[in-house]
Amino acid sequence: MILTLITAALASPPTPVTLTGQLGAAAGPPSLGGSASGDLAVNFGRAAVSVGAREGYMTEASRSLGSVEVQGRYYASDLFYVQGGFYHFHETPADVLAEYPVLATIGSAPGIIHRSGLGGGIGLDYTLDDVVDGRLGAVAELTAAVFPDAGGPTVYVIADFGFSVDVGKRRE
């Protein structure tokens, strides 16, 4: 039912929508890791509101790293954008992840460290004009997220690479 409603909403959105999927590398000193992420940006001219999620794994103090992100985005040009907003991370120790994989993935397992902070970054979304009527793009982002608590690294730096697709009206 929910999937049907989402599909119907994306079939003909009243404003341009950009879907992005990426793979990335992360550093939260002293830890390194990797992740997969996706987001949905609703575009309003050169501005957008983006909602995203990430799931990955960090090596130091082995743990999974999941996040939910809500950001504002400004397209400085057809290629370059800046963004910033709210980040909520779930950092789950490896033993908790092994014992409660489903609960850990949805952020409800015992032992998860919940952390909230602010972040921002820069990105490039290069339109591949000859593919899918110019709706497909190659994306690269560099993001930093800052957390004020002592539950883990204070700063995470994430480099993501992937693809975007514009749905509905064309982004202008």
C-alpha atoms as a PDB file:
ATOM      1  CA  MET A   1       0.000   0.000   0.000  1.00  0.00           C
ATOM      2  CA  ILE A   2       2.693   2.524   1.017  1.00  0.00           C
ATOM      3  CA  LEU A   3       4.861   1.568  -1.961  1.00  0.00           C
ATOM      4  CA  THR A   4       1.876   2.138  -4.284  1.00  0.00           C
ATOM      5  CA  LEU A   5       1.313   5.626  -2.848  1.00  0.00           C
ATOM      6  CA  ILE A   6       4.996   6.532  -3.219  1.00  0.00           C
ATOM      7  CA  THR A   7       5.037   5.236  -6.801  1.00  0.00           C
ATOM      8  CA  ALA A   8       1.918   7.249  -7.664  1.00  0.00           C
ATOM      9  CA  ALA A   9       3.375  10.400  -6.086  1.00  0.00           C
ATOM     10  CA  LEU A  10       6.623  10.053  -8.036  1.00  0.00           C
ATOM     11  CA  ALA A  11       4.876   9.227 -11.317  1.00  0.00           C
ATOM     12  CA  SER A  12       3.890  12.845 -11.882  1.00  0.00           C
ATOM     13  CA  PRO A  13       5.171  15.140  -9.134  1.00  0.00           C
ATOM     14  CA  PRO A  14       4.037  18.783  -9.410  1.00  0.00           C
ATOM     15  CA  THR A  15       7.626  19.977  -8.977  1.00  0.00           C
ATOM     16  CA  PRO A  16      10.898  18.438 -10.203  1.00  0.00           C
ATOM     17  CA  VAL A  17      12.191  15.587  -8.034  1.00  0.00           C
ATOM     18  CA  THR A  18      15.744  14.231  -8.119  1.00  0.00           C
ATOM     19  CA  LEU A  19      16.517  10.706  -6.845  1.00  0.00           C
ATOM     20  CA  THR A  20      20.162   9.941  -6.049  1.00  0.00           C
ATOM     21  CA  GLY A  21      21.955   6.685  -5.189  1.00  0.00           C
ATOM     22  CA  GLN A  22      25.612   6.683  -4.146  1.00  0.00           C
ATOM     23  CA  LEU A  23      28.468   4.636  -2.723  1.00  0.00           C
ATOM     24  CA  GLY A  24      30.958   6.359  -0.477  1.00  0.00           C
ATOM     25  CA  ALA A  25      33.970   6.300   1.777  1.00  0.00           C
ATOM     26  CA  ALA A  26      33.846   7.769   5.281  1.00  0.00           C
ATOM     27  CA  ALA A  27      36.366   8.894   7.870  1.00  0.00           C
ATOM     28  CA  GLY A  28      35.489   9.523  11.507  1.00  0.00           C
ATOM     29  CA  PRO A  29      38.958   9.664  13.049  1.00  0.00           C
ATOM     30  CA  PRO A  30      40.390   7.228  13.898  1.00  0.00           C
ATOM     31  CA  SER A  31      37.900   5.085  11.975  1.00  0.00           C
ATOM     32  CA  LEU A  32      37.488   4.495   8.236  1.00  0.00           C
ATOM     33  CA  GLY A  33      34.579   2.886   6.443  1.00  0.00           C
ATOM     34  CA  GLY A  34      32.212   2.768   3.535  1.00  0.00           C
ATOM     35  CA  SER A  35      28.515   3.273   2.942  1.00  0.00           C
ATOM     36  CA  ALA A  36      25.643   3.305   0.481  1.00  0.00           C
ATOM     37  CA  SER A  37      23.187   6.182   0.478  1.00  0.00           C
ATOM     38  CA  GLY A  38      20.133   7.471  -1.290  1.00  0.00           C
ATOM     39  CA  ASP A  39      18.148  10.664  -1.226  1.00  0.00           C
ATOM     40  CA  LEU A  40      15.103  12.337  -2.648  1.00  0.00           C
ATOM     41  CA  ALA A  41      15.327  16.076  -3.393  1.00  0.00           C
ATOM     42  CA  VAL A  42      12.260  18.167  -4.153  1.00  0.00           C
ATOM     43  CA  ASN A  43      13.443  21.056  -6.319  1.00  0.00           C
ATOM     44  CA  PHE A  44      12.110  24.615  -6.289  1.00  0.00           C
ATOM     45  CA  GLY A  45      14.100  26.422  -8.965  1.00  0.00           C
ATOM     46  CA  ARG A  46      17.693  26.714  -7.686  1.00  0.00           C
ATOM     47  CA  ALA A  47      16.715  25.553  -4.170  1.00  0.00           C
ATOM     48  CA  ALA A  48      15.765  22.069  -2.958  1.00  0.00           C
ATOM     49  CA  VAL A  49      14.857  20.141   0.170  1.00  0.00           C
ATOM     50  CA  SER A  50      16.571  16.759   0.390  1.00  0.00           C
ATOM     51  CA  VAL A  51      15.729  13.751   2.587  1.00  0.00           C
ATOM     52  CA  GLY A  52      18.242  10.909   2.623  1.00  0.00           C
ATOM     53  CA  ALA A  53      19.384   7.747   4.343  1.00  0.00           C
ATOM     54  CA  ARG A  54      22.738   5.998   4.614  1.00  0.00           C
ATOM     55  CA  GLU A  55      23.939   2.596   5.807  1.00  0.00           C
ATOM     56  CA  GLY A  56      27.569   1.624   6.151  1.00  0.00           C
ATOM     57  CA  TYR A  57      30.293   0.089   8.269  1.00  0.00           C
ATOM     58  CA  MET A  58      33.197   1.654  10.184  1.00  0.00           C
ATOM     59  CA  THR A  59      36.380  -0.281  11.019  1.00  0.00           C
ATOM     60  CA  GLU A  60      37.566   1.178  14.340  1.00  0.00           C
ATOM     61  CA  ALA A  61      35.448  -0.219  17.201  1.00  0.00           C
ATOM     62  CA  SER A  62      33.647  -2.209  14.468  1.00  0.00           C
ATOM     63  CA  ARG A  63      30.175  -0.825  14.056  1.00  0.00           C
ATOM     64  CA  SER A  64      27.492  -0.125  11.508  1.00  0.00           C
ATOM     65  CA  LEU A  65      26.691   3.478  10.771  1.00  0.00           C
ATOM     66  CA  GLY A  66      23.197   4.415   9.638  1.00  0.00           C
ATOM     67  CA  SER A  67      21.836   7.892   9.179  1.00  0.00           C
ATOM     68  CA  VAL A  68      18.818   9.947   8.300  1.00  0.00           C
ATOM     69  CA  GLU A  69      19.526  13.361   6.798  1.00  0.00           C
ATOM     70  CA  VAL A  70      17.324  16.386   6.054  1.00  0.00           C
ATOM     71  CA  GLN A  71      19.058  19.165   4.171  1.00  0.00           C
ATOM     72  CA  GLY A  72      18.512  22.343   2.244  1.00  0.00           C
ATOM     73  CA  ARG A  73      20.315  22.533  -1.093  1.00  0.00           C
ATOM     74  CA  TYR A  74      21.212  25.471  -3.326  1.00  0.00           C
ATOM     75  CA  TYR A  75      22.226  24.937  -6.963  1.00  0.00           C
ATOM     76  CA  ALA A  76      24.843  27.636  -7.623  1.00  0.00           C
ATOM     77  CA  SER A  77      24.920  26.488 -11.281  1.00  0.00           C
ATOM     78  CA  ASP A  78      23.636  23.629 -13.419  1.00  0.00           C
ATOM     79  CA  LEU A  79      26.585  21.570 -12.162  1.00  0.00           C
ATOM     80  CA  PHE A  80      27.536  22.725  -8.635  1.00  0.00           C
ATOM     81  CA  TYR A  81      25.512  22.779  -5.402  1.00  0.00           C
ATOM     82  CA  VAL A  82      25.992  23.411  -1.698  1.00  0.00           C
ATOM     83  CA  GLN A  83      23.874  21.838   1.007  1.00  0.00           C
ATOM     84  CA  GLY A  84      23.487  21.740   4.763  1.00  0.00           C
ATOM     85  CA  GLY A  85      21.162  20.551   7.455  1.00  0.00           C
ATOM     86  CA  PHE A  86      20.343  18.001  10.154  1.00  0.00           C
ATOM     87  CA  TYR A  87      21.925  14.564  10.556  1.00  0.00           C
ATOM     88  CA  HIS A  88      20.833  11.738  12.863  1.00  0.00           C
ATOM     89  CA  PHE A  89      23.242   8.796  13.112  1.00  0.00           C
ATOM     90  CA  HIS A  90      22.727   5.290  14.520  1.00  0.00           C
ATOM     91  CA  GLU A  91      26.044   3.738  15.501  1.00  0.00           C
ATOM     92  CA  THR A  92      25.601   0.043  16.235  1.00  0.00           C
ATOM     93  CA  PRO A  93      28.367  -2.167  17.684  1.00  0.00           C
ATOM     94  CA  ALA A  94      29.141  -5.232  15.541  1.00  0.00           C
ATOM     95  CA  ASP A  95      27.979  -7.709  18.202  1.00  0.00           C
ATOM     96  CA  VAL A  96      24.590  -5.956  18.504  1.00  0.00           C
ATOM     97  CA  LEU A  97      24.267  -5.912  14.709  1.00  0.00           C
ATOM     98  CA  ALA A  98      24.982  -9.665  14.568  1.00  0.00           C
ATOM     99  CA  GLU A  99      22.430 -10.457  17.280  1.00  0.00           C
ATOM    100  CA  TYR A 100      19.653  -8.078  16.137  1.00  0.00           C
ATOM    101  CA  PRO A 101      20.183  -7.421  12.396  1.00  0.00           C
ATOM    102  CA  VAL A 102      16.643  -6.249  11.608  1.00  0.00           C
ATOM    103  CA  LEU A 103      16.216  -4.127  14.742  1.00  0.00           C
ATOM    104  CA  ALA A 104      19.668  -2.617  14.190  1.00  0.00           C
ATOM    105  CA  THR A 105      18.824  -1.696  10.599  1.00  0.00           C
ATOM    106  CA  ILE A 106      15.682   0.177  11.658  1.00  0.00           C
ATOM    107  CA  GLY A 107      17.440   1.835  14.600  1.00  0.00           C
ATOM    108  CA  SER A 108      15.678   0.016  17.457  1.00  0.00           C
ATOM    109  CA  ALA A 109      18.174  -2.557  18.754  1.00  0.00           C
ATOM    110  CA  PRO A 110      19.471  -2.335  22.322  1.00  0.00           C
ATOM    111  CA  GLY A 111      22.942  -0.789  22.473  1.00  0.00           C
ATOM    112  CA  ILE A 112      22.561   1.572  19.503  1.00  0.00           C
ATOM    113  CA  ILE A 113      24.138   4.965  20.039  1.00  0.00           C
ATOM    114  CA  HIS A 114      21.802   7.682  18.700  1.00  0.00           C
ATOM    115  CA  ARG A 115      23.588  10.910  17.738  1.00  0.00           C
ATOM    116  CA  SER A 116      22.282  14.099  16.181  1.00  0.00           C
ATOM    117  CA  GLY A 117      24.241  16.931  14.646  1.00  0.00           C
ATOM    118  CA  LEU A 118      24.652  19.342  11.772  1.00  0.00           C
ATOM    119  CA  GLY A 119      26.448  18.951   8.501  1.00  0.00           C
ATOM    120  CA  GLY A 120      27.039  20.419   5.125  1.00  0.00           C
ATOM    121  CA  GLY A 121      28.825  19.829   1.905  1.00  0.00           C
ATOM    122  CA  ILE A 122      29.386  20.495  -1.729  1.00  0.00           C
ATOM    123  CA  GLY A 123      28.369  18.465  -4.735  1.00  0.00           C
ATOM    124  CA  LEU A 124      28.523  18.112  -8.476  1.00  0.00           C
ATOM    125  CA  ASP A 125      25.620  16.718 -10.510  1.00  0.00           C
ATOM    126  CA  TYR A 126      26.783  16.403 -14.120  1.00  0.00           C
ATOM    127  CA  THR A 127      23.910  15.822 -16.525  1.00  0.00           C
ATOM    128  CA  LEU A 128      24.521  13.041 -19.041  1.00  0.00           C
ATOM    129  CA  ASP A 129      22.755  14.744 -21.954  1.00  0.00           C
ATOM    130  CA  ASP A 130      22.744  11.729 -24.270  1.00  0.00           C
ATOM    131  CA  VAL A 131      21.235   9.316 -21.722  1.00  0.00           C
ATOM    132  CA  VAL A 132      17.524   9.061 -20.821  1.00  0.00           C
ATOM    133  CA  ASP A 133      16.622  12.423 -22.359  1.00  0.00           C
ATOM    134  CA  GLY A 134      19.151  14.261 -20.151  1.00  0.00           C
ATOM    135  CA  ARG A 135      17.534  13.098 -16.902  1.00  0.00           C
ATOM    136  CA  LEU A 136      20.464  10.966 -15.716  1.00  0.00           C
ATOM    137  CA  GLY A 137      23.409  12.546 -13.927  1.00  0.00           C
ATOM    138  CA  ALA A 138      26.747  11.525 -12.451  1.00  0.00           C
ATOM    139  CA  VAL A 139      27.068  12.783  -8.873  1.00  0.00           C
ATOM    140  CA  ALA A 140      30.018  13.453  -6.542  1.00  0.00           C
ATOM    141  CA  GLU A 141      29.611  14.880  -3.020  1.00  0.00           C
ATOM    142  CA  LEU A 142      31.922  15.814  -0.162  1.00  0.00           C
ATOM    143  CA  THR A 143      30.179  16.173   3.201  1.00  0.00           C
ATOM    144  CA  ALA A 144      31.195  16.871   6.790  1.00  0.00           C
ATOM    145  CA  ALA A 145      28.896  16.168   9.748  1.00  0.00           C
ATOM    146  CA  VAL A 146      29.616  17.445  13.274  1.00  0.00           C
ATOM    147  CA  PHE A 147      28.290  15.852  16.475  1.00  0.00           C
ATOM    148  CA  PRO A 148      28.558  17.657  19.838  1.00  0.00           C
ATOM    149  CA  ASP A 149      28.437  14.558  22.072  1.00  0.00           C
ATOM    150  CA  ALA A 150      31.115  12.090  23.176  1.00  0.00           C
ATOM    151  CA  GLY A 151      29.336   9.015  21.723  1.00  0.00           C
ATOM    152  CA  GLY A 152      31.821   8.667  18.877  1.00  0.00           C
ATOM    153  CA  PRO A 153      33.920  10.784  16.533  1.00  0.00           C
ATOM    154  CA  THR A 154      33.126  14.504  16.654  1.00  0.00           C
ATOM    155  CA  VAL A 155      33.412  14.870  12.873  1.00  0.00           C
ATOM    156  CA  TYR A 156      32.686  12.522   9.990  1.00  0.00           C
ATOM    157  CA  VAL A 157      33.882  13.336   6.469  1.00  0.00           C
ATOM    158  CA  ILE A 158      32.165  11.428   3.667  1.00  0.00           C
ATOM    159  CA  ALA A 159      32.950  11.299  -0.063  1.00  0.00           C
ATOM    160  CA  ASP A 160      30.124   9.859  -2.185  1.00  0.00           C
ATOM    161  CA  PHE A 161      29.927   8.962  -5.887  1.00  0.00           C
ATOM    162  CA  GLY A 162      26.867   7.787  -7.788  1.00  0.00           C
ATOM    163  CA  PHE A 163      24.016   8.667 -10.102  1.00  0.00           C
ATOM    164  CA  SER A 164      20.949  10.895 -10.057  1.00  0.00           C
ATOM    165  CA  VAL A 165      17.754  10.771 -12.066  1.00  0.00           C
ATOM    166  CA  ASP A 166      15.227  13.579 -12.474  1.00  0.00           C
ATOM    167  CA  VAL A 167      11.602  12.445 -12.174  1.00  0.00           C
ATOM    168  CA  GLY A 168       8.501  14.328 -13.315  1.00  0.00           C
ATOM    169  CA  LYS A 169       9.044  17.874 -14.528  1.00  0.00           C
ATOM    170  CA  ARG A 170      12.570  18.710 -15.627  1.00  0.00           C
ATOM    171  CA  ARG A 171      14.731  20.526 -13.121  1.00  0.00           C
ATOM    172  CA  GLU A 172      15.458  24.050 -14.279  1.00  0.00           C
END
